[in-house]
């Protein structure tokens, strides 16, 4: 994938995530705004409903005040109260009944109530005329002729109110001979003994004309703390449900409650014992939520589309210098290497200027590397010549050994013949350049010839113990590794000529690794020399593993360092190489091995 495509992909991902977050934020803000709007609308509707009910009840209360403020009607009520004791002339009682009947049937009272009724404890009742279906524009007055005050079902709370106006919830029109009409009333018990009661009725179905700003809002009009006066929702019932009673008790005025996909609020009248519980379905959980999310999705797509167009445009502008540099690099070869060490920097940003300078520096280094490569090629030719020259020397030595061996045969000296044969085997094994590595088994076979030569020199003063497990004999090590370690032991142990030279060569398999230990009984080496030797090995390790510098050692100074370098090249970080003086006695030992058992090594 090209850099420009990667840039477009990366910034497109960022733009998509940003647009997505922005869309979610817009959706959340819109949802919160819509929810707040619905709550406010519900509060306003509840207050509006309370205001309209206050207005209706206020008109009903005004009718009672109108009647009580009329001196003729009030005097007539007083004469009717006295009629029960027999203290009022009959003529006054008849005039009082006539005055009340006429006074209750005024246009003002009939227009502002369904029926207005006065009755007293003497079973006297009179009411305003009402407009009934089928009577045209002519009002009629059809009320019951007889009743008992104690039979009126809703009179007790009115009597207990001591002259205050009381709302009577839904009930059939008690005073009509046809009680199919449902009404609600505002009643008052007149103060004074036997003064009677005033009741102003309104039809329940007239509450359907209550105006609300949202047709989806339903409301419950509750009177006297728990009596259902009106329910706008069809099929609600005639009594408050337990859950609605709990909500009315739980809610404070203007508080909004969300429950089971519905939102509720309550508003109470300050003039009457009246409460309105308004509620509606939470459309945020349905169509409103989908509408808002659709708007948010469109906003997200629009933002993403604009961002993508800007990303593609600026990606082309920003990658144009890189493309020019790419063309220059692609056209660069060995023949025109020097021609591209200077490029035009006009129009590039600072970052691309740094890239150009880096490219120019790389060209300069590459030119130097080519010069060094040419020199290395010359050195390689010289090394090949030296190698061919070195092959002549062993051939000359073989001829000399054959001459010595022939002379020993003439003198019947089998020892010299055997020594020449062993030395020839050693030379052939050590100078064979076809194989750099050998098995431990072959190394031990080679050591047999080497030990024979050492026996010829030291005689019985040399003791050699070889204890190598069969599996270790299959391991692969650099050629001449064991010979160099044994040679080092013999060299240092022979300094004490009065002691027998003991060489122990032991190969063991450890848990997950294998080692070969070469130990002598010599005087060991001093701690400063041991630290110096370990420092040289550490320097060799850093040179080979970290910097790739080949180990260069003079002839005669190879020994352990040479062995360590060759083993490090073979095993790398897996090499085990330890040097230490033998504890609790004289001697020095070297352990070489591999940390991991790898098949074939």
Protein backbone atom coordinates (compact mmCIF):
# COMPACT_ATOMS: atom_id res chain seq x y z
CA UNK A 1 0.00 0.00 0.00
CA UNK A 2 1.39 3.40 -0.98
CA UNK A 3 2.11 6.11 1.57
CA UNK A 4 -0.63 8.30 0.13
CA UNK A 5 -3.15 5.47 0.47
CA UNK A 6 -2.01 4.82 4.04
CA UNK A 7 -2.35 8.52 4.86
CA UNK A 8 -5.85 8.62 3.36
CA UNK A 9 -6.80 5.43 5.23
CA UNK A 10 -5.41 6.69 8.56
CA UNK A 11 -7.04 10.10 8.40
CA UNK A 12 -10.24 8.59 7.03
CA UNK A 13 -10.39 6.40 10.12
CA UNK A 14 -9.86 9.45 12.32
CA UNK A 15 -12.50 11.39 10.38
CA UNK A 16 -14.96 8.52 10.64
CA UNK A 17 -14.47 8.17 14.38
CA UNK A 18 -14.71 11.94 14.82
CA UNK A 19 -17.89 12.07 12.73
CA UNK A 20 -19.30 9.13 14.64
CA UNK A 21 -18.58 10.77 17.98
CA UNK A 22 -20.03 14.03 16.68
CA UNK A 23 -23.15 12.21 15.47
CA UNK A 24 -23.58 10.47 18.82
CA UNK A 25 -23.09 13.79 20.61
CA UNK A 26 -25.67 15.46 18.35
CA UNK A 27 -28.08 12.59 18.95
CA UNK A 28 -27.60 12.77 22.72
CA UNK A 29 -28.00 16.54 22.78
CA UNK A 30 -31.07 16.29 20.56
CA UNK A 31 -32.52 13.58 22.77
CA UNK A 32 -31.88 15.64 25.87
CA UNK A 33 -33.37 18.71 24.21
CA UNK A 34 -36.40 16.74 23.01
CA UNK A 35 -36.84 15.16 26.43
CA UNK A 36 -36.62 18.55 28.10
CA UNK A 37 -39.07 19.93 25.57
CA UNK A 38 -41.54 17.12 26.23
CA UNK A 39 -41.21 17.56 29.98
CA UNK A 40 -41.79 21.30 29.69
CA UNK A 41 -44.72 20.71 27.35
CA UNK A 42 -46.19 18.25 29.84
CA UNK A 43 -45.77 20.73 32.70
CA UNK A 44 -47.39 23.50 30.67
CA UNK A 45 -50.28 21.22 29.69
CA UNK A 46 -50.84 20.18 33.31
CA UNK A 47 -50.85 23.80 34.45
CA UNK A 48 -53.14 24.74 31.56
CA UNK A 49 -55.55 21.99 32.57
CA UNK A 50 -55.52 23.21 36.19
CA UNK A 51 -56.10 26.79 35.02
CA UNK A 52 -59.08 25.74 32.90
CA UNK A 53 -60.55 23.70 35.75
CA UNK A 54 -60.01 26.64 38.10
CA UNK A 55 -61.87 28.81 35.63
CA UNK A 56 -64.80 26.38 35.41
CA UNK A 57 -64.98 25.84 39.15
CA UNK A 58 -64.53 29.57 39.61
CA UNK A 59 -67.60 30.24 37.47
CA UNK A 60 -69.52 27.68 39.50
CA UNK A 61 -68.36 29.30 42.73
CA UNK A 62 -69.27 32.72 41.31
CA UNK A 63 -72.84 31.48 40.75
CA UNK A 64 -73.10 30.62 44.44
CA UNK A 65 -71.64 33.99 45.39
CA UNK A 66 -74.06 35.66 42.99
CA UNK A 67 -77.02 33.94 44.66
CA UNK A 68 -75.85 34.71 48.18
CA UNK A 69 -75.13 38.33 47.31
CA UNK A 70 -78.73 38.87 46.06
CA UNK A 71 -80.64 40.22 49.07
CA UNK A 72 -84.02 38.98 47.75
CA UNK A 73 -82.75 35.42 47.24
CA UNK A 74 -80.90 35.40 50.55
CA UNK A 75 -84.04 36.64 52.36
CA UNK A 76 -86.12 33.98 50.61
CA UNK A 77 -83.66 31.29 51.80
CA UNK A 78 -83.97 32.65 55.33
CA UNK A 79 -87.83 32.52 55.24
CA UNK A 80 -87.70 28.93 53.98
CA UNK A 81 -85.44 28.00 56.89
CA UNK A 82 -87.97 29.50 59.34
CA UNK A 83 -90.83 27.66 57.65
CA UNK A 84 -89.68 24.43 59.22
CA UNK A 85 -90.33 25.82 62.71
CA UNK A 86 -93.72 27.22 61.75
CA UNK A 87 -92.53 30.76 62.51
CA UNK A 88 -92.99 32.11 58.96
CA UNK A 89 -96.31 33.27 57.51
CA UNK A 90 -97.47 31.04 54.68
CA UNK A 91 -97.62 34.01 52.27
CA UNK A 92 -93.93 34.75 52.86
CA UNK A 93 -93.00 31.13 52.29
CA UNK A 94 -94.85 31.02 48.96
CA UNK A 95 -93.19 34.27 47.86
CA UNK A 96 -89.80 32.86 48.90
CA UNK A 97 -90.25 29.72 46.80
CA UNK A 98 -91.34 31.78 43.82
CA UNK A 99 -88.42 34.19 44.17
CA UNK A 100 -85.89 31.32 44.38
CA UNK A 101 -87.33 29.54 41.36
CA UNK A 102 -87.15 32.72 39.29
CA UNK A 103 -83.76 33.77 40.69
CA UNK A 104 -82.09 30.45 39.84
CA UNK A 105 -83.34 30.52 36.24
CA UNK A 106 -81.52 33.64 35.13
CA UNK A 107 -79.62 33.60 31.86
CA UNK A 108 -76.30 34.00 33.67
CA UNK A 109 -76.82 30.93 35.85
CA UNK A 110 -78.19 28.72 33.06
CA UNK A 111 -75.30 29.53 30.68
CA UNK A 112 -72.59 28.92 33.24
CA UNK A 113 -73.89 25.68 34.76
CA UNK A 114 -75.72 22.55 33.79
CA UNK A 115 -78.03 22.87 36.82
CA UNK A 116 -78.02 25.03 39.93
CA UNK A 117 -79.98 23.60 42.88
CA UNK A 118 -81.06 24.91 46.28
CA UNK A 119 -82.46 22.53 48.85
CA UNK A 120 -82.83 22.54 52.60
CA UNK A 121 -83.47 20.24 55.51
CA UNK A 122 -87.25 20.78 55.09
CA UNK A 123 -87.14 18.77 51.82
CA UNK A 124 -87.65 21.88 49.76
CA UNK A 125 -85.80 21.90 46.45
CA UNK A 126 -85.71 24.19 43.47
CA UNK A 127 -83.34 24.38 40.52
CA UNK A 128 -82.52 26.37 37.48
CA UNK A 129 -83.94 25.39 34.15
CA UNK A 130 -81.74 23.29 31.82
CA UNK A 131 -81.49 22.84 28.09
CA UNK A 132 -82.29 19.25 27.19
CA UNK A 133 -82.12 17.38 23.93
CA UNK A 134 -85.34 17.68 21.89
CA UNK A 135 -86.66 20.77 23.65
CA UNK A 136 -85.25 23.22 21.12
CA UNK A 137 -84.11 26.48 22.60
CA UNK A 138 -86.64 26.38 25.40
CA UNK A 139 -85.20 25.44 28.82
CA UNK A 140 -87.10 22.98 30.96
CA UNK A 141 -87.13 22.25 34.66
CA UNK A 142 -87.73 18.63 35.50
CA UNK A 143 -86.65 17.64 38.99
CA UNK A 144 -87.75 15.11 41.54
CA UNK A 145 -90.70 16.13 43.69
CA UNK A 146 -89.74 14.40 46.91
CA UNK A 147 -86.47 13.56 48.65
CA UNK A 148 -84.91 13.11 52.05
CA UNK A 149 -81.80 15.08 52.92
CA UNK A 150 -80.20 12.12 54.66
CA UNK A 151 -80.55 10.05 51.45
CA UNK A 152 -78.26 12.35 49.45
CA UNK A 153 -75.03 10.27 49.16
CA UNK A 154 -72.50 13.11 48.88
CA UNK A 155 -73.84 15.48 51.55
CA UNK A 156 -71.65 14.47 54.49
CA UNK A 157 -68.32 16.07 53.37
CA UNK A 158 -70.21 19.24 52.35
CA UNK A 159 -71.76 19.56 55.81
CA UNK A 160 -68.35 18.99 57.40
CA UNK A 161 -66.79 21.82 55.35
CA UNK A 162 -68.58 24.48 57.46
CA UNK A 163 -69.56 26.85 54.67
CA UNK A 164 -66.57 26.23 52.35
CA UNK A 165 -67.06 25.23 48.74
CA UNK A 166 -66.59 21.49 48.20
CA UNK A 167 -66.07 19.62 44.91
CA UNK A 168 -68.30 16.61 44.45
CA UNK A 169 -66.79 14.13 42.01
CA UNK A 170 -68.61 12.32 39.22
CA UNK A 171 -72.12 11.20 40.05
CA UNK A 172 -75.49 10.92 38.28
CA UNK A 173 -77.69 14.03 38.40
CA UNK A 174 -79.50 13.32 41.65
CA UNK A 175 -82.25 15.89 41.02
CA UNK A 176 -83.30 14.74 37.58
CA UNK A 177 -86.03 12.20 37.07
CA UNK A 178 -83.68 10.75 34.40
CA UNK A 179 -80.34 10.08 36.13
CA UNK A 180 -78.34 9.01 33.06
CA UNK A 181 -76.45 12.32 32.88
CA UNK A 182 -73.13 12.29 34.76
CA UNK A 183 -72.21 15.54 36.45
CA UNK A 184 -69.69 16.96 38.91
CA UNK A 185 -70.68 19.65 41.41
CA UNK A 186 -69.46 22.47 43.53
CA UNK A 187 -71.48 22.60 46.77
CA UNK A 188 -71.68 24.74 49.82
CA UNK A 189 -73.57 24.35 53.09
CA UNK A 190 -75.14 27.74 54.00
CA UNK A 191 -74.32 28.92 57.45
CA UNK A 192 -77.18 29.09 59.85
CA UNK A 193 -79.58 26.54 61.20
CA UNK A 194 -81.71 25.02 58.50
CA UNK A 195 -80.35 27.39 55.84
CA UNK A 196 -79.87 24.52 53.37
CA UNK A 197 -77.39 23.88 50.55
CA UNK A 198 -76.41 25.31 47.19
CA UNK A 199 -75.19 22.94 44.46
CA UNK A 200 -73.89 24.02 41.06
CA UNK A 201 -73.59 21.13 38.57
CA UNK A 202 -71.65 20.78 35.32
CA UNK A 203 -71.77 17.88 32.90
CA UNK A 204 -68.74 15.57 32.96
CA UNK A 205 -68.71 15.31 29.18
CA UNK A 206 -68.15 19.08 29.01
CA UNK A 207 -64.58 18.40 30.25
CA UNK A 208 -63.79 16.89 26.86
CA UNK A 209 -63.52 20.45 25.58
CA UNK A 210 -60.49 21.15 27.79
CA UNK A 211 -57.81 22.53 25.50
CA UNK A 212 -54.31 20.97 25.48
CA UNK A 213 -51.33 21.88 23.30
CA UNK A 214 -50.44 18.23 22.60
CA UNK A 215 -53.18 15.76 21.58
CA UNK A 216 -50.99 12.86 22.80
CA UNK A 217 -51.17 14.10 26.39
CA UNK A 218 -53.73 12.50 28.69
CA UNK A 219 -54.73 13.78 32.09
CA UNK A 220 -56.54 12.72 35.21
CA UNK A 221 -58.48 15.35 37.15
CA UNK A 222 -58.49 14.33 40.82
CA UNK A 223 -60.59 16.04 43.48
CA UNK A 224 -60.44 15.90 47.24
CA UNK A 225 -57.06 14.15 47.28
CA UNK A 226 -58.10 10.88 45.63
CA UNK A 227 -61.44 11.03 43.84
CA UNK A 228 -61.30 10.70 40.07
CA UNK A 229 -63.22 13.59 38.52
CA UNK A 230 -62.30 13.04 34.89
CA UNK A 231 -59.99 10.84 32.77
CA UNK A 232 -59.23 11.96 29.23
CA UNK A 233 -58.05 8.49 28.16
CA UNK A 234 -60.84 6.28 26.94
CA UNK A 235 -61.43 3.09 28.86
CA UNK A 236 -59.56 4.29 31.93
CA UNK A 237 -62.31 3.44 34.41
CA UNK A 238 -64.17 5.32 37.11
CA UNK A 239 -61.59 5.09 39.90
CA UNK A 240 -57.91 5.85 40.23
CA UNK A 241 -55.56 2.90 39.90
CA UNK A 242 -53.17 2.12 42.72
CA UNK A 243 -50.14 3.06 40.62
CA UNK A 244 -51.65 6.46 39.76
CA UNK A 245 -52.44 7.07 43.43
CA UNK A 246 -48.82 6.32 44.26
CA UNK A 247 -47.60 8.66 41.52
CA UNK A 248 -49.80 11.50 42.77
CA UNK A 249 -48.43 11.04 46.28
CA UNK A 250 -44.83 10.70 45.07
CA UNK A 251 -44.79 13.59 42.62
CA UNK A 252 -44.24 17.17 43.66
CA UNK A 253 -45.62 20.06 41.63
CA UNK A 254 -43.73 20.51 38.34
CA UNK A 255 -41.74 17.34 39.02
CA UNK A 256 -41.49 14.92 36.06
CA UNK A 257 -41.38 11.14 36.52
CA UNK A 258 -40.41 8.61 33.83
CA UNK A 259 -41.77 5.12 34.33
CA UNK A 260 -42.27 2.18 31.92
CA UNK A 261 -42.10 4.25 28.77
CA UNK A 262 -44.36 7.01 30.11
CA UNK A 263 -43.66 10.44 31.57
CA UNK A 264 -45.82 11.95 34.30
CA UNK A 265 -46.18 15.30 36.00
CA UNK A 266 -48.59 16.80 38.50
CA UNK A 267 -50.06 20.25 38.99
CA UNK A 268 -52.32 21.29 41.87
CA UNK A 269 -54.83 24.10 42.10
CA UNK A 270 -54.17 26.84 44.62
CA UNK A 271 -57.89 27.68 44.93
CA UNK A 272 -59.62 24.30 45.05
CA UNK A 273 -58.83 20.83 46.29
CA UNK A 274 -57.99 19.76 42.77
CA UNK A 275 -54.98 18.00 41.24
CA UNK A 276 -54.22 17.20 37.60
CA UNK A 277 -51.96 14.24 36.72
CA UNK A 278 -50.79 14.67 33.11
CA UNK A 279 -48.97 11.89 31.26
CA UNK A 280 -47.99 10.83 27.79
CA UNK A 281 -46.08 8.07 26.08
CA UNK A 282 -42.36 8.69 25.86
CA UNK A 283 -41.98 8.96 22.11
CA UNK A 284 -38.23 9.23 22.54
CA UNK A 285 -38.32 5.46 22.92
CA UNK A 286 -40.10 5.11 19.60
CA UNK A 287 -40.57 7.40 16.61
CA UNK A 288 -38.88 10.48 18.08
CA UNK A 289 -35.76 8.49 18.89
CA UNK A 290 -35.56 7.12 15.35
CA UNK A 291 -36.13 10.56 13.88
CA UNK A 292 -33.36 12.06 15.99
CA UNK A 293 -30.99 9.22 15.20
CA UNK A 294 -31.75 9.62 11.50
CA UNK A 295 -30.83 13.29 11.73
CA UNK A 296 -27.66 12.40 13.65
CA UNK A 297 -26.77 9.74 11.05
CA UNK A 298 -27.20 12.24 8.21
CA UNK A 299 -25.05 14.76 10.07
CA UNK A 300 -22.41 12.06 10.59
CA UNK A 301 -22.40 11.07 6.91
CA UNK A 302 -22.24 14.69 5.77
CA UNK A 303 -19.34 15.46 8.10
CA UNK A 304 -17.55 12.28 7.05
CA UNK A 305 -18.04 13.02 3.35
CA UNK A 306 -16.66 16.56 3.64
CA UNK A 307 -13.75 15.32 5.77
CA UNK A 308 -12.96 12.55 3.26
CA UNK A 309 -12.85 15.01 0.36
CA UNK A 310 -10.48 17.30 2.29
CA UNK A 311 -8.30 14.33 3.30
CA UNK A 312 -7.93 13.14 -0.30
CA UNK A 313 -7.07 16.67 -1.48
CA UNK A 314 -4.47 17.40 1.20
CA UNK A 315 -3.00 13.89 0.95
CA UNK A 316 -2.23 14.60 -2.70
CA UNK A 317 -0.66 17.96 -1.85
CA UNK A 318 1.44 16.64 1.04
CA UNK A 319 2.70 13.51 -0.74
CA UNK A 320 3.70 15.30 -3.95
CA UNK A 321 7.26 16.04 -2.70
CA UNK A 322 7.62 12.42 -1.56
CA UNK A 323 6.62 11.23 -5.01
CA UNK A 324 9.26 13.45 -6.61
CA UNK A 325 11.86 12.11 -4.22
CA UNK A 326 10.71 8.55 -4.98
CA UNK A 327 11.20 9.13 -8.71
CA UNK A 328 14.70 10.44 -8.04
CA UNK A 329 15.60 7.41 -5.92
CA UNK A 330 14.22 4.99 -8.52
CA UNK A 331 16.36 6.62 -11.24
CA UNK A 332 19.52 6.51 -9.16
CA UNK A 333 22.15 3.87 -10.03
CA UNK A 334 25.89 3.41 -9.66
CA UNK A 335 26.67 5.29 -12.86
CA UNK A 336 24.80 8.49 -11.86
CA UNK A 337 25.30 8.23 -8.09
CA UNK A 338 27.04 11.58 -7.83
CA UNK A 339 24.40 13.33 -9.95
CA UNK A 340 21.68 13.00 -7.27
CA UNK A 341 23.60 14.23 -4.26
CA UNK A 342 22.03 17.67 -4.75
CA UNK A 343 18.28 18.04 -5.16
CA UNK A 344 16.09 21.09 -5.40
CA UNK A 345 14.61 21.96 -2.02
CA UNK A 346 12.30 24.75 -3.14
CA UNK A 347 8.69 24.10 -2.24
CA UNK A 348 9.47 21.38 0.29
CA UNK A 349 8.42 21.54 3.91
CA UNK A 350 11.01 21.30 6.67
CA UNK A 351 10.39 17.60 7.19
CA UNK A 352 10.97 16.83 3.53
CA UNK A 353 14.13 18.95 3.51
CA UNK A 354 15.41 16.73 6.31
CA UNK A 355 14.49 13.70 4.22
CA UNK A 356 16.38 15.09 1.23
CA UNK A 357 19.45 15.82 3.34
CA UNK A 358 19.26 12.28 4.72
CA UNK A 359 19.08 10.91 1.18
CA UNK A 360 22.09 12.98 0.14
CA UNK A 361 24.04 11.75 3.16
CA UNK A 362 23.08 8.18 2.24
CA UNK A 363 24.38 8.69 -1.29
CA UNK A 364 27.69 9.94 0.12
CA UNK A 365 27.96 6.92 2.43
CA UNK A 366 27.07 4.61 -0.42
CA UNK A 367 29.84 6.10 -2.55
CA UNK A 368 32.33 5.54 0.25
CA UNK A 369 31.03 2.00 0.69
CA UNK A 370 31.61 1.27 -2.99
CA UNK A 371 35.19 2.49 -2.66
CA UNK A 372 35.68 0.23 0.36
CA UNK A 373 34.10 -2.66 -1.55
CA UNK A 374 36.66 -2.24 -4.28
CA UNK A 375 39.44 -2.29 -1.70
CA UNK A 376 37.89 -5.38 -0.07
CA UNK A 377 37.85 -7.13 -3.42
CA UNK A 378 41.58 -6.49 -3.79
CA UNK A 379 42.18 -7.79 -0.27
CA UNK A 380 40.13 -10.90 -1.06
CA UNK A 381 42.31 -11.64 -4.07
CA UNK A 382 45.36 -11.26 -1.88
CA UNK A 383 43.84 -13.58 0.75
CA UNK A 384 43.19 -16.21 -1.90
CA UNK A 385 46.80 -15.97 -2.97
CA UNK A 386 47.94 -16.38 0.66
CA UNK A 387 45.68 -19.41 1.01
CA UNK A 388 47.18 -21.07 -2.04
CA UNK A 389 50.61 -20.25 -0.74
CA UNK A 390 49.74 -21.75 2.67
CA UNK A 391 48.74 -25.03 0.98
CA UNK A 392 52.32 -25.42 -0.24
CA UNK A 393 53.77 -25.43 3.30
CA UNK A 394 51.93 -28.57 4.63
CA UNK A 395 52.89 -30.40 1.42
CA UNK A 396 56.52 -29.61 2.10
CA UNK A 397 56.17 -30.77 5.72
CA UNK A 398 54.61 -34.07 4.58
CA UNK A 399 57.64 -34.73 2.34
CA UNK A 400 60.02 -33.99 5.20
CA UNK A 401 58.07 -36.33 7.54
CA UNK A 402 58.23 -39.08 4.93
CA UNK A 403 62.00 -38.60 4.68
CA UNK A 404 62.38 -38.81 8.49
CA UNK A 405 60.12 -41.85 8.61
CA UNK A 406 62.17 -43.56 5.88
CA UNK A 407 65.34 -42.90 7.84
CA UNK A 408 63.78 -44.30 11.02
CA UNK A 409 62.86 -47.50 9.13
CA UNK A 410 66.49 -47.94 8.12
CA UNK A 411 67.50 -47.53 11.76
CA UNK A 412 64.73 -49.85 12.99
CA UNK A 413 63.25 -47.04 15.22
CA UNK A 414 59.52 -47.77 15.30
CA UNK A 415 58.83 -44.94 17.76
CA UNK A 416 60.01 -42.27 15.34
CA UNK A 417 57.96 -43.86 12.56
CA UNK A 418 54.86 -43.85 14.74
CA UNK A 419 55.48 -40.24 15.78
CA UNK A 420 55.86 -39.17 12.15
CA UNK A 421 52.61 -40.96 11.30
CA UNK A 422 50.72 -39.30 14.17
CA UNK A 423 52.12 -35.90 13.25
CA UNK A 424 51.07 -36.45 9.66
CA UNK A 425 47.53 -37.29 10.76
CA UNK A 426 47.45 -34.16 12.88
CA UNK A 427 48.61 -32.01 9.97
CA UNK A 428 46.08 -33.51 7.57
CA UNK A 429 43.24 -33.01 10.08
CA UNK A 430 44.18 -29.44 11.02
CA UNK A 431 44.92 -28.20 7.50
CA UNK A 432 41.76 -29.61 5.87
CA UNK A 433 39.80 -26.47 4.86
CA UNK A 434 36.82 -28.33 3.39
CA UNK A 435 35.24 -28.92 6.79
CA UNK A 436 35.16 -26.21 9.45
CA UNK A 437 33.29 -28.32 12.03
CA UNK A 438 33.60 -31.86 13.28
CA UNK A 439 31.80 -34.21 15.65
CA UNK A 440 33.13 -34.73 19.16
CA UNK A 441 33.84 -38.34 18.11
CA UNK A 442 36.25 -37.17 15.37
CA UNK A 443 37.84 -34.68 17.74
CA UNK A 444 38.54 -37.52 20.19
CA UNK A 445 40.06 -39.65 17.40
CA UNK A 446 42.31 -36.74 16.52
CA UNK A 447 43.28 -36.38 20.19
CA UNK A 448 44.55 -39.99 20.20
CA UNK A 449 47.31 -38.96 17.80
CA UNK A 450 48.01 -35.82 19.77
CA UNK A 451 48.17 -37.73 23.09
CA UNK A 452 50.62 -40.20 21.51
CA UNK A 453 52.98 -37.36 20.72
CA UNK A 454 52.58 -35.96 24.24
CA UNK A 455 53.32 -39.42 25.72
CA UNK A 456 56.46 -39.56 23.67
CA UNK A 457 57.59 -36.37 25.37
CA UNK A 458 56.32 -36.73 28.93
CA UNK A 459 56.18 -40.48 29.27
CA UNK A 460 54.53 -41.75 32.44
CA UNK A 461 54.29 -38.20 33.82
CA UNK A 462 51.16 -37.67 31.66
CA UNK A 463 47.86 -39.19 32.71
CA UNK A 464 44.77 -38.70 30.51
CA UNK A 465 41.18 -39.59 31.51
CA UNK A 466 38.44 -39.31 28.84
CA UNK A 467 34.83 -39.75 30.01
CA UNK A 468 32.38 -38.55 27.36
CA UNK A 469 28.79 -39.81 27.14
CA UNK A 470 27.74 -41.47 23.90
CA UNK A 471 25.15 -38.80 23.05
CA UNK A 472 27.73 -36.02 23.53
CA UNK A 473 30.03 -37.71 20.97
CA UNK A 474 27.44 -36.84 18.28
CA UNK A 475 27.52 -33.11 19.01
CA UNK A 476 29.13 -30.79 16.43
CA UNK A 477 31.94 -28.42 17.51
CA UNK A 478 34.56 -26.32 15.65
CA UNK A 479 37.60 -28.33 14.56
CA UNK A 480 40.61 -28.33 16.88
CA UNK A 481 38.51 -27.14 19.83
CA UNK A 482 39.44 -29.98 22.18
CA UNK A 483 43.08 -30.00 21.01
CA UNK A 484 43.50 -26.33 21.86
CA UNK A 485 41.91 -26.79 25.30
CA UNK A 486 44.07 -29.85 26.06
CA UNK A 487 47.18 -28.08 24.75
CA UNK A 488 46.46 -25.16 27.06
CA UNK A 489 46.12 -27.53 30.05
CA UNK A 490 49.38 -29.36 29.26
CA UNK A 491 51.20 -26.09 28.73
CA UNK A 492 50.23 -24.68 32.13
CA UNK A 493 50.49 -27.97 34.06
CA UNK A 494 53.99 -28.76 32.80
CA UNK A 495 55.42 -25.75 34.60
CA UNK A 496 55.66 -27.91 37.74
CA UNK A 497 58.05 -30.64 36.51
CA UNK A 498 57.93 -32.61 39.78
CA UNK A 499 54.26 -33.55 39.50
CA UNK A 500 52.34 -35.90 37.26
CA UNK A 501 50.31 -34.08 34.63
CA UNK A 502 46.68 -35.15 34.86
CA UNK A 503 44.20 -34.21 32.14
CA UNK A 504 40.47 -34.90 32.65
CA UNK A 505 38.16 -34.58 29.62
CA UNK A 506 34.53 -35.16 30.60
CA UNK A 507 31.34 -34.72 28.49
CA UNK A 508 27.95 -34.61 30.13
CA UNK A 509 24.38 -33.91 29.18
CA UNK A 510 22.63 -31.49 31.53
CA UNK A 511 18.96 -30.60 31.73
CA UNK A 512 18.32 -28.89 28.40
CA UNK A 513 22.04 -28.48 27.54
CA UNK A 514 25.36 -30.32 27.09
CA UNK A 515 28.96 -29.49 28.14
CA UNK A 516 32.53 -30.73 27.72
CA UNK A 517 34.87 -29.97 30.62
CA UNK A 518 38.67 -30.02 30.26
CA UNK A 519 40.46 -29.87 33.61
CA UNK A 520 44.15 -30.05 34.66
CA UNK A 521 45.99 -30.27 37.96
CA UNK A 522 48.31 -27.38 37.32
CA UNK A 523 48.81 -24.28 39.45
CA UNK A 524 45.86 -22.45 37.86
CA UNK A 525 46.02 -18.74 37.00
CA UNK A 526 45.89 -15.66 39.17
CA UNK A 527 42.68 -13.74 39.59
CA UNK A 528 44.00 -10.61 37.73
CA UNK A 529 45.02 -12.80 34.78
CA UNK A 530 41.66 -14.57 34.88
CA UNK A 531 39.82 -11.24 34.89
CA UNK A 532 41.99 -10.00 32.02
CA UNK A 533 41.26 -13.17 30.02
CA UNK A 534 37.52 -12.85 30.62
CA UNK A 535 37.71 -9.21 29.51
CA UNK A 536 39.35 -10.26 26.24
CA UNK A 537 36.59 -12.84 25.67
CA UNK A 538 33.91 -10.21 26.38
CA UNK A 539 35.56 -7.87 23.87
CA UNK A 540 35.55 -10.67 21.30
CA UNK A 541 31.86 -11.34 22.03
CA UNK A 542 30.84 -7.69 21.52
CA UNK A 543 32.92 -7.43 18.38
CA UNK A 544 31.34 -10.48 16.76
CA UNK A 545 27.71 -10.32 17.98
CA UNK A 546 27.13 -6.57 18.24
CA UNK A 547 29.43 -4.96 15.69
CA UNK A 548 30.11 -7.86 13.28
CA UNK A 549 33.91 -7.35 13.52
CA UNK A 550 35.89 -10.56 12.86
CA UNK A 551 38.35 -11.69 15.52
CA UNK A 552 41.98 -11.07 14.52
CA UNK A 553 44.72 -12.84 16.53
CA UNK A 554 48.37 -13.36 16.03
CA UNK A 555 49.84 -16.83 15.67
CA UNK A 556 50.97 -18.07 19.06
CA UNK A 557 48.39 -15.91 20.81
CA UNK A 558 45.31 -17.89 19.82
CA UNK A 559 44.63 -20.58 22.46
CA UNK A 560 41.45 -20.14 24.51
CA UNK A 561 40.56 -16.83 22.82
CA UNK A 562 40.63 -18.45 19.39
CA UNK A 563 38.54 -21.38 20.63
CA UNK A 564 36.01 -19.02 22.21
CA UNK A 565 35.72 -16.94 19.01
CA UNK A 566 35.09 -19.98 16.81
CA UNK A 567 32.55 -21.48 19.22
CA UNK A 568 30.79 -18.11 19.44
CA UNK A 569 30.50 -17.98 15.66
CA UNK A 570 28.93 -21.45 15.69
CA UNK A 571 26.60 -21.23 18.71
CA UNK A 572 26.06 -17.45 18.97
CA UNK A 573 24.00 -16.54 22.05
CA UNK A 574 23.49 -20.25 22.77
CA UNK A 575 27.16 -20.72 23.71
CA UNK A 576 28.21 -21.99 27.15
CA UNK A 577 31.83 -21.06 27.92
CA UNK A 578 33.19 -20.96 31.46
CA UNK A 579 36.75 -20.61 32.89
CA UNK A 580 37.63 -21.06 36.52
CA UNK A 581 40.30 -22.33 38.89
CA UNK A 582 39.52 -25.73 40.35
CA UNK A 583 37.93 -25.18 43.79
CA UNK A 584 39.56 -26.74 46.90
CA UNK A 585 42.84 -27.44 45.17
CA UNK A 586 45.17 -26.68 42.30
CA UNK A 587 44.18 -26.78 38.69
CA UNK A 588 42.30 -24.90 35.99
CA UNK A 589 39.27 -25.97 33.97
CA UNK A 590 37.45 -24.78 30.88
CA UNK A 591 33.84 -25.78 30.11
CA UNK A 592 32.39 -25.42 26.64
CA UNK A 593 28.93 -26.42 25.49
CA UNK A 594 25.52 -25.40 24.23
CA UNK A 595 22.55 -24.11 26.27
CA UNK A 596 19.92 -25.80 24.10
CA UNK A 597 19.98 -29.33 22.79
CA UNK A 598 19.54 -28.86 19.02
CA UNK A 599 19.49 -31.86 16.74
CA UNK A 600 22.50 -31.90 14.44
CA UNK A 601 24.65 -29.53 16.52
